[in-house]
Amino acid sequence: MEGRAGSQDGQIASPRRAPSQQRSRERVERMLAAASVLIAEQGSDAMRMGEVAERAGVSIGSLYQFFPDKRAIVWALAERYTAESQACISAALADVTDAEGLRRAFSELVDIYYRLFLAEPVMRDIWSGTQADKALRELELADSRANAEFLTSVLKRLRPAADPAALETTAFLVWQMGEAAMRLAISVGREEGDRLVAAYKRMALRELLAE
């Protein structure tokens, strides 16, 4: 299951063909919707390309035209969740102008992510899959860097005299720790997971709001 992990300009390239026409885009949407249902039911490891085609109501040849293998499907879903999460985070942090605003916005974002991953088996499956797939791991890392930039922008507004490089490092580390904390929280019982998420928020906010 080989795919292009990067491109000459440093961007991470998708291992699938992008649809160019409306009809093709609608067909791809059906394929991804079918794959999401199958992943929710049985996990991506057990999902078969033939099942995706049958559930989507397309031929297997049509499926392979856009997705050469299961990994390409998982990649497309990961890209979608990444884009949606970045839009949500950007909107939540855009108007933060003080420490209380950061505390509230950051806490709400962590809670939203936690609820999403508890409720969405597809997102959990994709997230766990990044650990075994180098290219998906690079996609997740790029996503973390992009999200950390939103946080860095807020920190620079709140602490204009601070070293910009130090703020960037703090934001990136806090976000990466959040990824790890969320992964841990959804892998244990709900009560313990709630405590872990609450503890992460307290530790992260202490660092983010430090003078």
Foldseek 3Di string as FASTA:
>chain_A
DDAQLADPVGHGDQRWDDDDDPVLVVLVVLLLVLQQVVCVVPRLVPDDLVSSCVSSVHDSVSSCNTPVGSVSSLRVVLVVVLVVLLVVLLVLLVPDQELVSCLVSVLVSLVVVLVCVLPRSSVLRSLVVLVVDVSSVVVVLVSLLSSLVSLLVNLCNHCVPDDSVVSSVLSSVLSVVSSVLSNVLNVDDVVVSVVSSVVSSVVSSCSSPPD
